[in-house]
Amino acid sequence: MRIPFGIYPALLAALLLVLTPAATARANLLGNKLTLRDENKMGRDFDKIIRAQQNMVGDTYITDYVGDVVARVVTGTRPMPFRVKSAVIANPLINAFAIPGGYIYIFTGLIQSVETESQLAGVIAHELAHVSQRHVVNRIEKQKKIALLSTAGMLAGLLLGVAAGGEDAAQAGQALVLGSQGAATAAMLHYSQEDEREADHVGLNSLVKAGYNPEGMPGTFQIMLKNKWYDNSSAMPSYLSTHPGTEERITYLHDRIARMPKEFLERKDDNTRLMRVQVLIRSRMSPANTALAYWDDKKESDYTPMDYVGRGITLERLKKIDEAEKAFSKALSLDNNDPLVVREAGIFFFKTGRPDRAAALLQKAVILDKGDAMALFYLARLQAEAKQYAQAEKNMRKVNELVPEDWEVHHHLGMILGESGDPFGGNLHLAYAALYSMNLKRAKEFMNRADSLAQDQGQKDRIKELDEAIKARTDLGK
């Protein structure tokens, strides 16, 4: 996937433009107020932009965990007229944001930085409070006379990289984004102190009602402040630039928490899943040398099976295959019934060219956890290489159901179908692969090939559905 170049301010600018023209057209009828339908459409359209420009995490072990934390926070949140939908962005920045329509995005840098689940939940509660209190929508409604030229420039910058693809286009898009940010427009991209105070107040109430320790919210802000001074520039917590007044807010939160019942502060988190997710993020997404230094600094007597897994993944990235195999073997010797340990060992043997051992482990991983998209994905690829096309198709379709907009899944499914004698299905899914990687020209080429092969009404209907999806993404750039 391409490296993202639009961080939160540019994304929010894009969000503002998604809806502003429609709002202006209906100003006389609605009194410059946005409807619930507007908010939902805004969320759907902006989600497409974000997914096109950001490296989305497709590992369901990670996304399911984050989704469960979000769902728990929602139980303590005031009712919202839409279903909250979460996603994880593979980015080292300490960041998270939510947009109207109930979409919330959590960066892997934030997940990696927190020490407890309550801290992660605290940021989620804060972000959902911005949505429930309609802070973004209110700012759009108040900026009736916003200079659309600068905002349009920022969205065009985002979409230049999306539509054209490639590093040069992305760099040109970034230049356009940065060059078009006028002072007035940039100012509206930041939440006000009043917005932050209300989001802290409402979010803290949600956090407590969801059963979390309220100290989680100020705890995360303190971690961010520490990273602001001690972290390197590549992982600077951009959250602080879009959420002002952090030190004052920490004081306010501690004052409120001090007046809460003592039992709230005694709540304990079960951080088991969080720590397992952090192993995956550190070993796969952090710089390999940095990740290895983490495990080198940790006493081996304190290693869990997942620590050996993380070390093995990191060593494999550094091409230290023999050492990596020893780490995976140690993990399996400690717990060969942990589905995550078994899965990662299977992926390792797949990547290092030992299909027989990989197959046994991946099959076991799928038995232990039938909803693990990663285990199914690599098992299907292994089966395709062995020309077991029926099983490969069955398993890759299961992956497609779990992560329906992953371009790589559609690519491999398309290849499996093509090789097994289904050229229509092969071209159809290769078109979706191009669509979700935002190579719209290529998507149309594969769609036209599939269209020429369509033989019945069902296949023609699928072509029509694909064509509408391509047009919808094309329209985002207009």
Protein backbone atom coordinates (compact mmCIF):
# COMPACT_ATOMS: atom_id res chain seq x y z
CA MET A 1 0.00 0.00 0.00
CA ARG A 2 1.18 3.53 -0.69
CA ILE A 3 2.58 5.62 2.13
CA PRO A 4 0.00 8.12 3.44
CA PHE A 5 0.82 11.79 3.02
CA GLY A 6 -2.28 13.52 4.40
CA ILE A 7 -2.38 13.65 8.20
CA TYR A 8 -5.32 14.93 10.22
CA PRO A 9 -5.53 18.63 9.20
CA ALA A 10 -5.58 17.82 5.49
CA LEU A 11 -8.06 15.02 6.04
CA LEU A 12 -10.38 17.27 7.99
CA ALA A 13 -10.10 19.84 5.25
CA ALA A 14 -11.23 17.20 2.80
CA LEU A 15 -14.11 16.37 5.10
CA LEU A 16 -15.21 20.01 5.11
CA LEU A 17 -15.33 20.12 1.33
CA VAL A 18 -17.23 16.85 0.98
CA LEU A 19 -20.34 18.47 2.37
CA THR A 20 -19.91 22.26 2.11
CA PRO A 21 -21.19 22.65 -1.50
CA ALA A 22 -24.39 20.75 -0.73
CA ALA A 23 -24.89 22.71 2.46
CA THR A 24 -24.45 26.00 0.60
CA ALA A 25 -26.95 24.99 -2.08
CA ARG A 26 -29.60 24.29 0.55
CA ALA A 27 -28.76 27.22 2.82
CA ASN A 28 -31.97 29.13 2.19
CA LEU A 29 -34.14 26.07 2.86
CA LEU A 30 -32.37 24.67 5.90
CA GLY A 31 -31.00 27.80 7.52
CA ASN A 32 -27.42 26.55 7.06
CA LYS A 33 -28.10 23.51 9.24
CA LEU A 34 -26.86 20.08 8.24
CA THR A 35 -29.22 17.13 8.36
CA LEU A 36 -28.54 13.66 9.70
CA ARG A 37 -28.57 12.45 6.11
CA ASP A 38 -25.85 14.99 5.32
CA GLU A 39 -23.72 13.74 8.21
CA ASN A 40 -24.06 10.12 7.16
CA LYS A 41 -23.17 10.90 3.55
CA MET A 42 -20.21 12.97 4.74
CA GLY A 43 -18.94 10.04 6.77
CA ARG A 44 -19.33 7.54 3.92
CA ASP A 45 -17.62 9.76 1.37
CA PHE A 46 -14.80 10.75 3.66
CA ASP A 47 -14.25 7.13 4.67
CA LYS A 48 -13.53 6.36 1.01
CA ILE A 49 -10.94 9.14 0.93
CA ILE A 50 -9.26 7.94 4.10
CA ARG A 51 -9.15 4.31 2.98
CA ALA A 52 -7.69 5.37 -0.35
CA GLN A 53 -4.95 7.48 1.22
CA GLN A 54 -4.07 5.61 4.40
CA ASN A 55 -2.48 2.23 4.99
CA MET A 56 -5.37 0.40 6.64
CA VAL A 57 -4.66 -2.53 8.95
CA GLY A 58 -6.35 -5.70 7.71
CA ASP A 59 -5.30 -8.08 10.48
CA THR A 60 -8.61 -8.96 12.12
CA TYR A 61 -6.88 -9.84 15.39
CA ILE A 62 -5.93 -6.15 15.70
CA THR A 63 -9.09 -4.62 14.23
CA ASP A 64 -11.42 -6.88 16.21
CA TYR A 65 -9.70 -5.89 19.44
CA VAL A 66 -10.00 -2.18 18.68
CA GLY A 67 -13.60 -2.70 17.57
CA ASP A 68 -14.40 -4.38 20.88
CA VAL A 69 -12.92 -1.48 22.86
CA VAL A 70 -14.90 1.00 20.74
CA ALA A 71 -18.10 -1.01 21.22
CA ARG A 72 -17.58 -1.02 24.98
CA VAL A 73 -17.04 2.75 25.04
CA VAL A 74 -20.20 3.19 22.97
CA THR A 75 -22.20 1.46 25.73
CA GLY A 76 -21.38 4.43 27.95
CA THR A 77 -21.88 7.07 25.27
CA ARG A 78 -25.03 9.11 24.79
CA PRO A 79 -27.17 7.59 22.00
CA MET A 80 -26.12 8.58 18.49
CA PRO A 81 -28.35 8.20 15.42
CA PHE A 82 -25.84 6.04 13.57
CA ARG A 83 -23.76 2.91 14.12
CA VAL A 84 -20.19 3.62 15.17
CA LYS A 85 -17.62 2.08 12.81
CA SER A 86 -13.94 1.75 13.68
CA ALA A 87 -10.79 1.20 11.63
CA VAL A 88 -7.07 1.04 12.36
CA ILE A 89 -4.49 3.00 10.37
CA ALA A 90 -0.91 1.69 10.14
CA ASN A 91 0.92 4.88 11.06
CA PRO A 92 3.46 5.50 13.87
CA LEU A 93 1.97 8.86 14.81
CA ILE A 94 0.15 9.02 18.14
CA ASN A 95 -3.20 9.96 16.69
CA ALA A 96 -6.89 9.18 16.48
CA PHE A 97 -9.87 11.03 15.07
CA ALA A 98 -13.59 10.59 14.53
CA ILE A 99 -15.83 12.14 11.91
CA PRO A 100 -19.58 12.71 11.59
CA GLY A 101 -21.48 9.60 10.63
CA GLY A 102 -19.85 7.60 13.42
CA TYR A 103 -16.50 6.75 11.81
CA ILE A 104 -13.49 6.56 14.15
CA TYR A 105 -9.89 5.88 13.17
CA ILE A 106 -7.12 4.81 15.55
CA PHE A 107 -3.45 4.93 14.55
CA THR A 108 -1.15 2.04 15.43
CA GLY A 109 1.20 4.58 17.01
CA LEU A 110 -1.44 5.34 19.62
CA ILE A 111 -2.12 1.66 20.32
CA GLN A 112 1.60 1.05 20.73
CA SER A 113 2.06 3.99 23.10
CA VAL A 114 -0.64 3.29 25.69
CA GLU A 115 0.06 1.23 28.80
CA THR A 116 -3.50 0.15 29.62
CA GLU A 117 -6.76 -0.46 27.80
CA SER A 118 -8.34 2.35 29.82
CA GLN A 119 -5.88 4.77 28.23
CA LEU A 120 -6.81 3.63 24.73
CA ALA A 121 -10.49 3.79 25.66
CA GLY A 122 -9.98 7.31 27.01
CA VAL A 123 -8.92 8.66 23.62
CA ILE A 124 -11.75 6.78 21.91
CA ALA A 125 -14.28 8.22 24.37
CA HIS A 126 -12.92 11.71 23.79
CA GLU A 127 -13.13 11.36 20.01
CA LEU A 128 -16.66 9.97 20.04
CA ALA A 129 -17.67 12.91 22.24
CA HIS A 130 -16.57 15.27 19.46
CA VAL A 131 -19.02 13.41 17.20
CA SER A 132 -21.91 13.22 19.66
CA GLN A 133 -21.51 16.95 20.44
CA ARG A 134 -21.38 17.72 16.68
CA HIS A 135 -18.21 19.82 16.97
CA VAL A 136 -17.09 19.33 13.36
CA VAL A 137 -20.59 19.83 12.00
CA ASN A 138 -21.05 23.00 14.06
CA ARG A 139 -17.82 24.42 12.66
CA ILE A 140 -18.98 23.71 9.12
CA GLU A 141 -22.33 25.36 9.81
CA LYS A 142 -20.67 28.45 11.29
CA GLN A 143 -18.23 28.84 8.40
CA LYS A 144 -20.89 29.67 5.81
CA LYS A 145 -18.53 32.09 4.08
CA ILE A 146 -15.50 29.79 4.06
CA ALA A 147 -13.14 30.40 1.15
CA LEU A 148 -13.72 27.19 -0.77
CA LEU A 149 -10.67 27.75 -2.95
CA SER A 150 -8.17 26.87 -0.22
CA THR A 151 -10.23 23.95 1.05
CA ALA A 152 -10.71 22.66 -2.49
CA GLY A 153 -6.98 22.86 -2.99
CA MET A 154 -6.38 20.64 0.01
CA LEU A 155 -8.88 18.06 -1.19
CA ALA A 156 -7.45 18.21 -4.70
CA GLY A 157 -4.04 17.57 -3.19
CA LEU A 158 -5.33 14.49 -1.46
CA LEU A 159 -7.12 13.22 -4.54
CA LEU A 160 -4.18 13.88 -6.86
CA GLY A 161 -2.31 11.08 -5.13
CA VAL A 162 -5.43 8.94 -5.10
CA ALA A 163 -6.38 9.23 -8.74
CA ALA A 164 -2.92 9.19 -10.30
CA GLY A 165 -1.10 6.87 -7.94
CA GLY A 166 2.65 6.60 -7.65
CA GLU A 167 5.25 8.42 -5.58
CA ASP A 168 5.57 11.45 -7.85
CA ALA A 169 1.84 12.06 -7.83
CA ALA A 170 1.73 11.69 -4.06
CA GLN A 171 4.52 14.23 -3.64
CA ALA A 172 2.77 16.65 -5.97
CA GLY A 173 -0.44 16.14 -4.05
CA GLN A 174 1.28 16.85 -0.76
CA ALA A 175 2.74 20.08 -2.15
CA LEU A 176 -0.70 21.19 -3.26
CA VAL A 177 -2.17 20.36 0.14
CA LEU A 178 0.44 22.37 1.98
CA GLY A 179 0.44 25.23 -0.48
CA SER A 180 -3.30 25.74 -0.31
CA GLN A 181 -3.71 26.04 3.46
CA GLY A 182 -4.64 29.64 4.09
CA ALA A 183 -4.48 30.98 7.63
CA ALA A 184 -8.25 31.23 8.00
CA THR A 185 -8.87 27.71 6.77
CA ALA A 186 -6.05 26.23 8.83
CA ALA A 187 -7.51 27.87 11.92
CA MET A 188 -10.82 26.09 11.54
CA LEU A 189 -9.13 22.70 11.43
CA HIS A 190 -8.30 22.90 15.13
CA TYR A 191 -10.82 22.21 17.84
CA SER A 192 -11.38 25.14 20.16
CA GLN A 193 -10.62 25.04 23.86
CA GLU A 194 -14.39 24.95 24.46
CA ASP A 195 -14.75 21.95 22.15
CA GLU A 196 -11.93 20.15 23.94
CA ARG A 197 -13.32 20.85 27.40
CA GLU A 198 -16.75 19.56 26.40
CA ALA A 199 -15.27 16.46 24.72
CA ASP A 200 -13.22 15.78 27.86
CA HIS A 201 -16.29 16.17 30.07
CA VAL A 202 -18.62 14.06 27.95
CA GLY A 203 -15.90 11.53 27.09
CA LEU A 204 -14.94 11.03 30.72
CA ASN A 205 -18.57 10.33 31.59
CA SER A 206 -18.70 7.73 28.79
CA LEU A 207 -15.45 6.16 29.95
CA VAL A 208 -16.75 5.72 33.49
CA LYS A 209 -20.15 4.43 32.37
CA ALA A 210 -18.41 1.86 30.18
CA GLY A 211 -16.66 0.48 33.27
CA TYR A 212 -13.16 1.83 32.65
CA ASN A 213 -10.85 3.53 35.12
CA PRO A 214 -11.24 7.31 34.57
CA GLU A 215 -7.49 7.80 34.99
CA GLY A 216 -7.15 6.35 31.51
CA MET A 217 -8.00 9.65 29.81
CA PRO A 218 -5.46 11.97 31.49
CA GLY A 219 -2.98 9.08 31.47
CA THR A 220 -2.95 9.01 27.68
CA PHE A 221 -2.52 12.78 27.45
CA GLN A 222 0.48 12.55 29.79
CA ILE A 223 2.04 9.90 27.55
CA MET A 224 1.53 12.20 24.57
CA LEU A 225 3.21 15.11 26.34
CA LYS A 226 6.16 12.88 27.20
CA ASN A 227 6.47 11.76 23.59
CA LYS A 228 6.30 15.36 22.45
CA TRP A 229 9.62 16.00 24.12
CA TYR A 230 11.38 12.64 23.97
CA ASP A 231 10.14 10.90 20.84
CA ASN A 232 11.80 11.33 17.45
CA SER A 233 10.30 13.54 14.78
CA SER A 234 8.90 10.64 12.74
CA ALA A 235 6.62 9.68 15.59
CA MET A 236 5.74 13.13 16.92
CA PRO A 237 2.24 12.93 18.41
CA SER A 238 0.23 14.94 15.90
CA TYR A 239 -2.74 14.57 18.24
CA LEU A 240 -1.34 17.44 20.30
CA SER A 241 -1.39 19.81 17.33
CA THR A 242 -5.04 19.13 16.56
CA HIS A 243 -6.17 18.97 20.20
CA PRO A 244 -4.86 22.10 21.97
CA GLY A 245 -4.39 22.91 25.64
CA THR A 246 -3.38 19.43 26.77
CA GLU A 247 -1.68 20.42 30.04
CA GLU A 248 -4.67 22.45 31.19
CA ARG A 249 -7.01 19.63 30.26
CA ILE A 250 -5.00 17.13 32.31
CA THR A 251 -5.42 19.38 35.36
CA TYR A 252 -9.16 19.71 34.71
CA LEU A 253 -9.56 15.93 34.34
CA HIS A 254 -7.65 15.20 37.54
CA ASP A 255 -9.83 17.70 39.40
CA ARG A 256 -12.96 15.92 38.19
CA ILE A 257 -11.59 12.46 38.90
CA ALA A 258 -10.63 13.46 42.45
CA ARG A 259 -14.34 13.97 43.20
CA MET A 260 -15.41 10.57 41.86
CA PRO A 261 -16.16 7.53 44.04
CA LYS A 262 -13.03 5.68 45.14
CA GLU A 263 -14.14 2.42 43.54
CA PHE A 264 -13.91 4.01 40.09
CA LEU A 265 -10.18 4.55 40.61
CA GLU A 266 -9.70 0.97 41.76
CA ARG A 267 -10.94 -0.54 38.49
CA LYS A 268 -8.39 -2.85 36.90
CA ASP A 269 -7.87 -3.51 33.20
CA ASP A 270 -7.29 -6.88 31.62
CA ASN A 271 -4.52 -5.83 29.25
CA THR A 272 -3.82 -9.29 27.84
CA ARG A 273 -5.25 -8.63 24.37
CA LEU A 274 -3.73 -5.15 24.26
CA MET A 275 -0.24 -6.50 24.92
CA ARG A 276 -0.65 -9.21 22.26
CA VAL A 277 -1.78 -6.61 19.74
CA GLN A 278 1.19 -4.42 20.70
CA VAL A 279 3.55 -7.31 19.94
CA LEU A 280 2.13 -7.56 16.42
CA ILE A 281 2.34 -3.81 15.85
CA ARG A 282 5.87 -3.48 17.25
CA SER A 283 7.28 -6.45 15.35
CA ARG A 284 5.55 -5.80 12.01
CA MET A 285 5.20 -2.01 11.80
CA SER A 286 7.99 -0.46 13.88
CA PRO A 287 11.49 -0.09 12.40
CA ALA A 288 12.98 -3.58 12.63
CA ASN A 289 16.14 -2.51 14.46
CA THR A 290 14.10 -0.57 17.01
CA ALA A 291 11.83 -3.56 17.58
CA LEU A 292 14.79 -5.91 18.01
CA ALA A 293 16.36 -3.52 20.52
CA TYR A 294 13.16 -3.74 22.57
CA TRP A 295 13.40 -7.53 22.83
CA ASP A 296 17.17 -7.43 23.37
CA ASP A 297 16.61 -5.13 26.35
CA LYS A 298 13.98 -7.41 27.86
CA LYS A 299 15.13 -10.21 30.15
CA GLU A 300 14.54 -13.54 28.45
CA SER A 301 13.26 -14.91 31.74
CA ASP A 302 10.36 -12.46 31.35
CA TYR A 303 9.52 -13.55 27.79
CA THR A 304 6.04 -14.84 27.04
CA PRO A 305 5.38 -17.06 24.00
CA MET A 306 4.21 -13.92 22.20
CA ASP A 307 7.52 -12.20 22.96
CA TYR A 308 9.30 -15.01 21.13
CA VAL A 309 6.82 -14.57 18.29
CA GLY A 310 7.52 -10.83 18.14
CA ARG A 311 11.26 -11.45 18.20
CA GLY A 312 10.88 -14.04 15.44
CA ILE A 313 8.88 -11.70 13.20
CA THR A 314 11.46 -8.96 13.71
CA LEU A 315 14.42 -11.25 12.99
CA GLU A 316 12.71 -12.49 9.82
CA ARG A 317 12.34 -8.88 8.67
CA LEU A 318 16.09 -8.45 9.28
CA LYS A 319 16.79 -11.59 7.18
CA LYS A 320 18.18 -13.44 10.19
CA ILE A 321 16.25 -16.55 9.30
CA ASP A 322 18.03 -19.10 11.49
CA GLU A 323 17.64 -16.95 14.60
CA ALA A 324 14.01 -16.27 13.70
CA GLU A 325 13.28 -19.99 13.38
CA LYS A 326 14.74 -20.60 16.85
CA ALA A 327 12.45 -17.92 18.27
CA PHE A 328 9.34 -19.41 16.64
CA SER A 329 10.33 -22.91 17.73
CA LYS A 330 10.67 -21.67 21.30
CA ALA A 331 7.24 -20.00 21.13
CA LEU A 332 5.65 -23.22 19.87
CA SER A 333 7.37 -25.29 22.54
CA LEU A 334 5.87 -23.02 25.21
CA ASP A 335 2.33 -22.92 23.77
CA ASN A 336 1.45 -24.74 20.56
CA ASN A 337 -2.27 -24.20 21.09
CA ASP A 338 -2.21 -20.42 21.09
CA PRO A 339 -3.85 -19.55 17.74
CA LEU A 340 -1.76 -16.40 17.34
CA VAL A 341 1.52 -18.20 18.04
CA VAL A 342 0.58 -20.97 15.61
CA ARG A 343 -0.56 -18.51 12.96
CA GLU A 344 2.59 -16.42 13.04
CA ALA A 345 4.82 -19.48 12.94
CA GLY A 346 2.85 -20.69 9.91
CA ILE A 347 3.28 -17.35 8.16
CA PHE A 348 7.01 -17.47 8.88
CA PHE A 349 7.41 -20.91 7.30
CA PHE A 350 5.27 -19.79 4.33
CA LYS A 351 7.51 -16.77 3.74
CA THR A 352 10.71 -18.80 4.07
CA GLY A 353 9.65 -21.42 1.55
CA ARG A 354 8.65 -24.41 3.68
CA PRO A 355 5.09 -25.09 2.52
CA ASP A 356 4.55 -28.43 4.27
CA ARG A 357 5.33 -27.09 7.72
CA ALA A 358 3.45 -23.84 6.97
CA ALA A 359 0.34 -25.76 5.86
CA ALA A 360 0.11 -27.81 9.05
CA LEU A 361 0.45 -24.73 11.25
CA LEU A 362 -1.93 -22.54 9.24
CA GLN A 363 -4.58 -25.26 9.14
CA LYS A 364 -4.31 -25.61 12.90
CA ALA A 365 -4.52 -21.84 13.34
CA VAL A 366 -7.75 -21.73 11.33
CA ILE A 367 -9.21 -24.55 13.43
CA LEU A 368 -8.29 -22.68 16.62
CA ASP A 369 -9.68 -19.37 15.34
CA LYS A 370 -12.05 -19.65 12.38
CA GLY A 371 -12.38 -15.87 12.08
CA ASP A 372 -8.67 -15.10 11.71
CA ALA A 373 -8.39 -13.43 8.30
CA MET A 374 -4.60 -13.55 8.26
CA ALA A 375 -4.43 -17.30 8.86
CA LEU A 376 -7.05 -17.92 6.17
CA PHE A 377 -5.31 -15.56 3.75
CA TYR A 378 -1.95 -17.33 3.93
CA LEU A 379 -3.56 -20.77 3.94
CA ALA A 380 -5.45 -19.88 0.76
CA ARG A 381 -2.26 -18.64 -0.90
CA LEU A 382 -0.50 -21.85 0.07
CA GLN A 383 -3.35 -23.91 -1.38
CA ALA A 384 -3.28 -21.87 -4.59
CA GLU A 385 0.44 -22.54 -4.99
CA ALA A 386 -0.31 -26.25 -4.61
CA LYS A 387 -3.03 -25.84 -7.29
CA GLN A 388 -5.75 -26.79 -4.79
CA TYR A 389 -7.95 -24.15 -6.35
CA ALA A 390 -11.31 -25.17 -4.89
CA GLN A 391 -10.04 -24.94 -1.30
CA ALA A 392 -8.02 -21.82 -2.06
CA GLU A 393 -11.09 -20.06 -3.49
CA LYS A 394 -13.26 -21.11 -0.56
CA ASN A 395 -10.81 -19.76 2.01
CA MET A 396 -9.98 -16.56 0.14
CA ARG A 397 -13.70 -15.80 -0.19
CA LYS A 398 -13.97 -16.15 3.59
CA VAL A 399 -11.15 -13.62 3.92
CA ASN A 400 -12.98 -11.34 1.49
CA GLU A 401 -16.06 -11.47 3.71
CA LEU A 402 -13.98 -10.50 6.74
CA VAL A 403 -12.07 -7.65 5.03
CA PRO A 404 -14.19 -6.74 1.99
CA GLU A 405 -12.20 -3.72 0.80
CA ASP A 406 -8.65 -5.06 0.98
CA TRP A 407 -7.08 -4.73 -2.46
CA GLU A 408 -4.57 -7.52 -1.84
CA VAL A 409 -7.30 -10.02 -0.97
CA HIS A 410 -9.18 -9.17 -4.17
CA HIS A 411 -5.94 -9.49 -6.14
CA HIS A 412 -5.19 -12.99 -4.89
CA LEU A 413 -8.82 -14.06 -5.25
CA GLY A 414 -8.78 -12.80 -8.82
CA MET A 415 -5.61 -14.74 -9.58
CA ILE A 416 -7.03 -17.91 -8.01
CA LEU A 417 -10.23 -17.64 -10.06
CA GLY A 418 -8.35 -16.91 -13.28
CA GLU A 419 -5.97 -19.83 -12.82
CA SER A 420 -8.83 -22.19 -11.97
CA GLY A 421 -10.70 -21.42 -15.21
CA ASP A 422 -13.06 -18.56 -14.21
CA PRO A 423 -11.86 -15.59 -16.30
CA PHE A 424 -14.97 -13.53 -15.54
CA GLY A 425 -14.50 -13.83 -11.78
CA GLY A 426 -10.76 -13.33 -12.12
CA ASN A 427 -11.09 -10.05 -14.00
CA LEU A 428 -13.92 -8.88 -11.75
CA HIS A 429 -11.84 -9.23 -8.58
CA LEU A 430 -8.72 -7.80 -10.22
CA ALA A 431 -10.89 -4.78 -11.03
CA TYR A 432 -11.87 -4.50 -7.36
CA ALA A 433 -8.20 -4.84 -6.39
CA ALA A 434 -7.38 -1.87 -8.63
CA LEU A 435 -10.41 0.04 -7.36
CA TYR A 436 -9.47 -0.32 -3.68
CA SER A 437 -5.87 0.65 -4.40
CA MET A 438 -7.36 3.66 -6.25
CA ASN A 439 -5.92 2.82 -9.66
CA LEU A 440 -9.19 3.70 -11.35
CA LYS A 441 -7.86 3.47 -14.90
CA ARG A 442 -6.74 -0.09 -14.31
CA ALA A 443 -10.03 -0.90 -12.57
CA LYS A 444 -11.96 0.14 -15.68
CA GLU A 445 -9.71 -1.99 -17.89
CA PHE A 446 -10.37 -5.13 -15.84
CA MET A 447 -14.07 -4.27 -15.62
CA ASN A 448 -14.31 -4.04 -19.40
CA ARG A 449 -12.62 -7.43 -19.74
CA ALA A 450 -15.05 -8.95 -17.25
CA ASP A 451 -17.97 -7.28 -19.03
CA SER A 452 -16.97 -8.90 -22.32
CA LEU A 453 -17.06 -12.28 -20.57
CA ALA A 454 -20.42 -11.83 -18.78
CA GLN A 455 -22.88 -14.52 -19.84
CA ASP A 456 -25.95 -14.17 -17.63
CA GLN A 457 -27.94 -11.50 -15.86
CA GLY A 458 -26.30 -12.21 -12.53
CA GLN A 459 -22.86 -11.47 -13.95
CA LYS A 460 -24.15 -8.36 -15.73
CA ASP A 461 -25.59 -7.13 -12.42
CA ARG A 462 -22.18 -7.57 -10.78
CA ILE A 463 -20.60 -5.52 -13.56
CA LYS A 464 -23.17 -2.78 -12.96
CA GLU A 465 -22.43 -2.79 -9.23
CA LEU A 466 -18.70 -2.53 -9.92
CA ASP A 467 -19.22 0.28 -12.42
CA GLU A 468 -21.19 2.25 -9.84
CA ALA A 469 -18.43 1.75 -7.27
CA ILE A 470 -15.81 3.04 -9.72
CA LYS A 471 -17.97 6.08 -10.59
CA ALA A 472 -18.50 6.85 -6.90
CA ARG A 473 -14.75 7.01 -6.28
CA THR A 474 -14.19 8.94 -9.52
CA ASP A 475 -16.72 11.53 -8.37
CA LEU A 476 -14.75 12.13 -5.17
CA GLY A 477 -12.06 13.72 -7.26
CA LYS A 478 -14.36 16.13 -9.08
